[in-house]
Amino acid sequence: MILAGSALAKGQERRISQRKIRDRSIALVLAGIVALMPPIAGVALIDAKLFGLPVALIYIFAVWALLIVGATMLARPLRDSDVDTSSADLGEPR
């Protein structure tokens, strides 16, 4: 009976972990949308140059690069959670 309880707890932990990963991926998308909206990106529209490039251009590419890094960090756990879910649906061993 203890074994079944621990298996149940592990299953619940896995679902909570999957939910957190999905929530973080949604938060990443929303943060990217907000960071690239004209009022927020307009803050970077100062008339200055950094390394010979306009600050607005650097801001947009920095946000873009950070979104790519964030998506890369979330891609593997999301893929692994989808594989776990599909194998559980098919009744296959994990």
Protein backbone atom coordinates (compact mmCIF):
# COMPACT_ATOMS: atom_id res chain seq x y z
CA MET A 1 0.00 0.00 0.00
CA ILE A 2 2.89 2.33 0.72
CA LEU A 3 4.33 1.61 -2.70
CA ALA A 4 1.07 2.58 -4.41
CA GLY A 5 0.94 5.79 -2.39
CA SER A 6 4.45 6.78 -3.39
CA ALA A 7 3.69 6.04 -7.05
CA LEU A 8 0.61 8.25 -6.77
CA ALA A 9 2.67 11.02 -5.19
CA LYS A 10 5.25 10.79 -7.99
CA GLY A 11 2.48 11.00 -10.59
CA GLN A 12 1.07 14.10 -8.91
CA GLU A 13 4.53 15.67 -8.72
CA ARG A 14 5.05 14.97 -12.43
CA ARG A 15 1.72 16.63 -13.31
CA ILE A 16 2.53 19.65 -11.15
CA SER A 17 5.96 19.89 -12.77
CA GLN A 18 4.42 19.66 -16.26
CA ARG A 19 1.93 22.37 -15.35
CA LYS A 20 4.71 24.64 -14.07
CA ILE A 21 6.70 24.18 -17.28
CA ARG A 22 3.66 25.00 -19.42
CA ASP A 23 2.89 28.03 -17.25
CA ARG A 24 6.45 29.25 -17.65
CA SER A 25 6.28 28.86 -21.42
CA ILE A 26 3.07 30.91 -21.52
CA ALA A 27 4.69 33.53 -19.28
CA LEU A 28 7.67 33.68 -21.64
CA VAL A 29 5.41 34.37 -24.62
CA LEU A 30 3.49 37.04 -22.71
CA ALA A 31 6.73 38.66 -21.49
CA GLY A 32 7.99 38.76 -25.08
CA ILE A 33 4.78 40.37 -26.29
CA VAL A 34 4.91 42.99 -23.56
CA ALA A 35 8.63 43.68 -24.07
CA LEU A 36 8.12 44.29 -27.80
CA MET A 37 4.95 46.37 -27.55
CA PRO A 38 5.42 49.91 -28.85
CA PRO A 39 5.02 51.71 -25.48
CA ILE A 40 7.65 49.52 -23.79
CA ALA A 41 9.98 49.35 -26.80
CA GLY A 42 9.52 53.12 -27.16
CA VAL A 43 11.59 53.56 -24.02
CA ALA A 44 14.57 52.42 -26.06
CA LEU A 45 13.94 55.08 -28.73
CA ILE A 46 16.44 57.48 -27.32
CA ASP A 47 18.64 59.22 -29.82
CA ALA A 48 21.85 57.46 -28.89
CA LYS A 49 24.14 54.89 -30.34
CA LEU A 50 25.96 52.05 -28.69
CA PHE A 51 28.84 50.49 -30.62
CA GLY A 52 27.66 52.50 -33.62
CA LEU A 53 24.15 50.95 -33.55
CA PRO A 54 20.92 52.63 -32.47
CA VAL A 55 19.82 51.66 -28.95
CA ALA A 56 16.37 50.63 -30.24
CA LEU A 57 17.94 48.07 -32.56
CA ILE A 58 20.08 46.67 -29.76
CA TYR A 59 17.01 46.50 -27.49
CA ILE A 60 14.92 44.59 -30.03
CA PHE A 61 17.67 42.08 -30.79
CA ALA A 62 18.49 41.65 -27.08
CA VAL A 63 14.83 40.86 -26.29
CA TRP A 64 14.70 38.52 -29.26
CA ALA A 65 17.88 36.71 -28.14
CA LEU A 66 16.56 36.38 -24.57
CA LEU A 67 13.30 34.91 -25.88
CA ILE A 68 15.25 32.36 -27.91
CA VAL A 69 17.35 31.40 -24.88
CA GLY A 70 14.23 31.08 -22.73
CA ALA A 71 12.46 28.98 -25.33
CA THR A 72 15.51 26.73 -25.65
CA MET A 73 15.59 26.21 -21.89
CA LEU A 74 11.90 25.27 -21.85
CA ALA A 75 11.89 23.13 -25.00
CA ARG A 76 13.43 19.95 -23.58
CA PRO A 77 11.20 19.73 -20.46
CA LEU A 78 8.14 20.44 -22.61
CA ARG A 79 9.12 17.75 -25.10
CA ASP A 80 9.86 15.27 -22.30
CA SER A 81 6.51 15.97 -20.63
CA ASP A 82 4.71 15.39 -23.94
CA VAL A 83 6.51 12.07 -24.42
CA ASP A 84 5.60 11.00 -20.86
CA THR A 85 1.98 11.97 -21.39
CA SER A 86 1.67 10.17 -24.73
CA SER A 87 3.29 6.98 -23.42
CA ALA A 88 0.96 7.05 -20.40
CA ASP A 89 -2.03 7.43 -22.70
CA LEU A 90 -0.96 4.40 -24.74
CA GLY A 91 -0.34 2.29 -21.66
CA GLU A 92 3.33 1.88 -22.55
CA PRO A 93 5.98 1.64 -19.86
CA ARG A 94 8.02 4.77 -19.23
